[in-house]
Amino acid sequence: AILRISGSHSSYHCMSAWDLLHQQMRTVDAHNITTCNMEIDHLLEGGVQLGSITEFVGLSGTGKTQIGLQLACDVQLPSSLSGVGGQCIYIDTANGVVGQRLYDMAKSFLRHIHDMTHR
């Protein structure tokens, strides 16, 4: 069971992970996170769907980390630019060195947003 505290600290109730998942699925719009790549978005039928699990698999060097880092940036695209305006926590369990790469991608992403808004 998951303890969920809402409002004041004296107001809480327990719910199962299953119930929490279904509650979250009811509150999430049917929007997708764009990959900012039309071909990949087309293969994913509009991007990575919120409220579901999308697994990227492949051999070493095929771009799994790259797509994960890209999505960490893309999820933050504001709704005014057809994004979902979300947030991301990226957890690297393989102890890879992705900090500088993510920083570079985020800078590029900000330039892309700037270019989109100043056309």
C-alpha atoms as a PDB file:
ATOM      1  CA  ALA A   1       0.000   0.000   0.000  1.00  0.00           C
ATOM      2  CA  ILE A   2       1.053   3.567  -0.596  1.00  0.00           C
ATOM      3  CA  LEU A   3       0.435   6.254   1.975  1.00  0.00           C
ATOM      4  CA  ARG A   4      -0.734   9.391   0.246  1.00  0.00           C
ATOM      5  CA  ILE A   5      -0.859  12.605   2.229  1.00  0.00           C
ATOM      6  CA  SER A   6      -3.080  15.299   0.809  1.00  0.00           C
ATOM      7  CA  GLY A   7      -3.660  18.802   2.088  1.00  0.00           C
ATOM      8  CA  SER A   8      -2.742  19.039   5.729  1.00  0.00           C
ATOM      9  CA  HIS A   9      -0.522  16.445   7.348  1.00  0.00           C
ATOM     10  CA  SER A  10      -3.402  15.250   9.485  1.00  0.00           C
ATOM     11  CA  SER A  11      -5.429  14.211   6.422  1.00  0.00           C
ATOM     12  CA  TYR A  12      -4.176  10.972   4.857  1.00  0.00           C
ATOM     13  CA  HIS A  13      -5.409   7.687   3.489  1.00  0.00           C
ATOM     14  CA  CYS A  14      -3.869   4.479   2.214  1.00  0.00           C
ATOM     15  CA  MET A  15      -4.343   3.173  -1.283  1.00  0.00           C
ATOM     16  CA  SER A  16      -2.806   0.381  -3.276  1.00  0.00           C
ATOM     17  CA  ALA A  17      -0.340   1.065  -6.081  1.00  0.00           C
ATOM     18  CA  TRP A  18      -2.973  -0.328  -8.482  1.00  0.00           C
ATOM     19  CA  ASP A  19      -5.571   2.213  -7.303  1.00  0.00           C
ATOM     20  CA  LEU A  20      -3.013   5.017  -7.456  1.00  0.00           C
ATOM     21  CA  LEU A  21      -2.116   4.044 -11.037  1.00  0.00           C
ATOM     22  CA  HIS A  22      -5.758   4.068 -12.123  1.00  0.00           C
ATOM     23  CA  GLN A  23      -6.354   7.392 -10.385  1.00  0.00           C
ATOM     24  CA  GLN A  24      -3.367   8.869 -12.207  1.00  0.00           C
ATOM     25  CA  MET A  25      -4.509   7.447 -15.543  1.00  0.00           C
ATOM     26  CA  ARG A  26      -7.902   9.100 -15.119  1.00  0.00           C
ATOM     27  CA  THR A  27      -6.303  12.496 -14.504  1.00  0.00           C
ATOM     28  CA  VAL A  28      -3.749  12.389 -17.339  1.00  0.00           C
ATOM     29  CA  ASP A  29      -4.850  13.769 -20.684  1.00  0.00           C
ATOM     30  CA  ALA A  30      -4.321  11.643 -23.768  1.00  0.00           C
ATOM     31  CA  HIS A  31      -1.394  13.834 -24.811  1.00  0.00           C
ATOM     32  CA  ASN A  32       1.891  12.473 -26.024  1.00  0.00           C
ATOM     33  CA  ILE A  33       5.435  13.635 -25.400  1.00  0.00           C
ATOM     34  CA  THR A  34       6.885  14.590 -28.738  1.00  0.00           C
ATOM     35  CA  THR A  35      10.362  13.355 -29.573  1.00  0.00           C
ATOM     36  CA  CYS A  36      10.784  16.400 -31.842  1.00  0.00           C
ATOM     37  CA  ASN A  37      11.444  13.893 -34.630  1.00  0.00           C
ATOM     38  CA  MET A  38       8.526  13.419 -37.023  1.00  0.00           C
ATOM     39  CA  GLU A  39       9.569   9.914 -38.085  1.00  0.00           C
ATOM     40  CA  ILE A  40       9.896   8.611 -34.525  1.00  0.00           C
ATOM     41  CA  ASP A  41       6.664  10.345 -33.459  1.00  0.00           C
ATOM     42  CA  HIS A  42       4.915   8.686 -36.414  1.00  0.00           C
ATOM     43  CA  LEU A  43       6.237   5.242 -35.394  1.00  0.00           C
ATOM     44  CA  LEU A  44       5.013   5.889 -31.842  1.00  0.00           C
ATOM     45  CA  GLU A  45       1.625   7.081 -33.136  1.00  0.00           C
ATOM     46  CA  GLY A  46       2.137  10.672 -32.015  1.00  0.00           C
ATOM     47  CA  GLY A  47       4.993  10.378 -29.525  1.00  0.00           C
ATOM     48  CA  VAL A  48       5.442   8.721 -26.148  1.00  0.00           C
ATOM     49  CA  GLN A  49       2.037   8.368 -24.525  1.00  0.00           C
ATOM     50  CA  LEU A  50       1.559   9.780 -21.040  1.00  0.00           C
ATOM     51  CA  GLY A  51       0.230   7.369 -18.444  1.00  0.00           C
ATOM     52  CA  SER A  52       1.782   4.337 -20.101  1.00  0.00           C
ATOM     53  CA  ILE A  53       5.108   2.558 -20.275  1.00  0.00           C
ATOM     54  CA  THR A  54       7.170   2.739 -23.433  1.00  0.00           C
ATOM     55  CA  GLU A  55      10.265   0.557 -23.500  1.00  0.00           C
ATOM     56  CA  PHE A  56      13.193   1.239 -25.815  1.00  0.00           C
ATOM     57  CA  VAL A  57      15.398  -1.821 -26.343  1.00  0.00           C
ATOM     58  CA  GLY A  58      18.435  -2.495 -28.468  1.00  0.00           C
ATOM     59  CA  LEU A  59      22.102  -3.308 -28.553  1.00  0.00           C
ATOM     60  CA  SER A  60      24.697  -1.057 -26.988  1.00  0.00           C
ATOM     61  CA  GLY A  61      25.142   2.150 -28.955  1.00  0.00           C
ATOM     62  CA  THR A  62      21.723   2.141 -30.651  1.00  0.00           C
ATOM     63  CA  GLY A  63      20.444   5.306 -28.972  1.00  0.00           C
ATOM     64  CA  LYS A  64      18.427   4.163 -25.949  1.00  0.00           C
ATOM     65  CA  THR A  65      20.102   6.647 -23.603  1.00  0.00           C
ATOM     66  CA  GLN A  66      19.897   9.340 -26.260  1.00  0.00           C
ATOM     67  CA  ILE A  67      16.118   8.974 -26.620  1.00  0.00           C
ATOM     68  CA  GLY A  68      15.728   8.938 -22.831  1.00  0.00           C
ATOM     69  CA  LEU A  69      17.705  12.155 -22.479  1.00  0.00           C
ATOM     70  CA  GLN A  70      15.815  13.729 -25.380  1.00  0.00           C
ATOM     71  CA  LEU A  71      12.486  12.867 -23.779  1.00  0.00           C
ATOM     72  CA  ALA A  72      13.712  14.337 -20.475  1.00  0.00           C
ATOM     73  CA  CYS A  73      13.985  17.634 -22.335  1.00  0.00           C
ATOM     74  CA  ASP A  74      10.941  17.233 -24.592  1.00  0.00           C
ATOM     75  CA  VAL A  75       8.487  16.558 -21.756  1.00  0.00           C
ATOM     76  CA  GLN A  76       9.116  20.126 -20.602  1.00  0.00           C
ATOM     77  CA  LEU A  77       7.936  21.692 -23.874  1.00  0.00           C
ATOM     78  CA  PRO A  78       5.205  24.151 -22.843  1.00  0.00           C
ATOM     79  CA  SER A  79       1.595  23.466 -23.802  1.00  0.00           C
ATOM     80  CA  SER A  80       1.585  26.780 -25.689  1.00  0.00           C
ATOM     81  CA  LEU A  81       4.002  25.081 -28.113  1.00  0.00           C
ATOM     82  CA  SER A  82       1.953  21.855 -28.305  1.00  0.00           C
ATOM     83  CA  GLY A  83       3.946  20.165 -25.560  1.00  0.00           C
ATOM     84  CA  VAL A  84       2.768  18.690 -22.291  1.00  0.00           C
ATOM     85  CA  GLY A  85       4.555  21.162 -19.997  1.00  0.00           C
ATOM     86  CA  GLY A  86       5.695  18.373 -17.711  1.00  0.00           C
ATOM     87  CA  GLN A  87       8.649  17.636 -15.494  1.00  0.00           C
ATOM     88  CA  CYS A  88      11.189  14.838 -15.437  1.00  0.00           C
ATOM     89  CA  ILE A  89      13.450  13.011 -13.046  1.00  0.00           C
ATOM     90  CA  TYR A  90      16.124  11.080 -14.939  1.00  0.00           C
ATOM     91  CA  ILE A  91      17.607   8.166 -12.991  1.00  0.00           C
ATOM     92  CA  ASP A  92      20.761   6.622 -14.422  1.00  0.00           C
ATOM     93  CA  THR A  93      21.120   3.106 -13.007  1.00  0.00           C
ATOM     94  CA  ALA A  94      24.037   2.177 -15.263  1.00  0.00           C
ATOM     95  CA  ASN A  95      26.345   4.780 -13.694  1.00  0.00           C
ATOM     96  CA  GLY A  96      26.853   6.406 -17.083  1.00  0.00           C
ATOM     97  CA  VAL A  97      28.253   9.876 -17.490  1.00  0.00           C
ATOM     98  CA  VAL A  98      25.249  11.700 -18.960  1.00  0.00           C
ATOM     99  CA  GLY A  99      25.382  15.021 -17.099  1.00  0.00           C
ATOM    100  CA  GLN A 100      27.302  16.996 -19.729  1.00  0.00           C
ATOM    101  CA  ARG A 101      25.362  15.390 -22.569  1.00  0.00           C
ATOM    102  CA  LEU A 102      22.037  16.274 -20.928  1.00  0.00           C
ATOM    103  CA  TYR A 103      23.257  19.834 -20.347  1.00  0.00           C
ATOM    104  CA  ASP A 104      24.230  20.175 -24.029  1.00  0.00           C
ATOM    105  CA  MET A 105      20.881  18.741 -25.133  1.00  0.00           C
ATOM    106  CA  ALA A 106      18.967  21.081 -22.821  1.00  0.00           C
ATOM    107  CA  LYS A 107      20.835  24.097 -24.261  1.00  0.00           C
ATOM    108  CA  SER A 108      20.005  22.937 -27.779  1.00  0.00           C
ATOM    109  CA  PHE A 109      16.387  22.357 -26.750  1.00  0.00           C
ATOM    110  CA  LEU A 110      16.146  25.930 -25.419  1.00  0.00           C
ATOM    111  CA  ARG A 111      17.548  27.264 -28.710  1.00  0.00           C
ATOM    112  CA  HIS A 112      14.956  25.188 -30.565  1.00  0.00           C
ATOM    113  CA  ILE A 113      12.134  26.643 -28.425  1.00  0.00           C
ATOM    114  CA  HIS A 114      13.495  30.149 -28.965  1.00  0.00           C
ATOM    115  CA  ASP A 115      13.570  29.575 -32.730  1.00  0.00           C
ATOM    116  CA  MET A 116      10.000  28.200 -32.665  1.00  0.00           C
ATOM    117  CA  THR A 117       8.680  31.251 -30.825  1.00  0.00           C
ATOM    118  CA  HIS A 118      10.503  33.822 -32.946  1.00  0.00           C
ATOM    119  CA  ARG A 119       9.468  32.699 -36.425  1.00  0.00           C
END
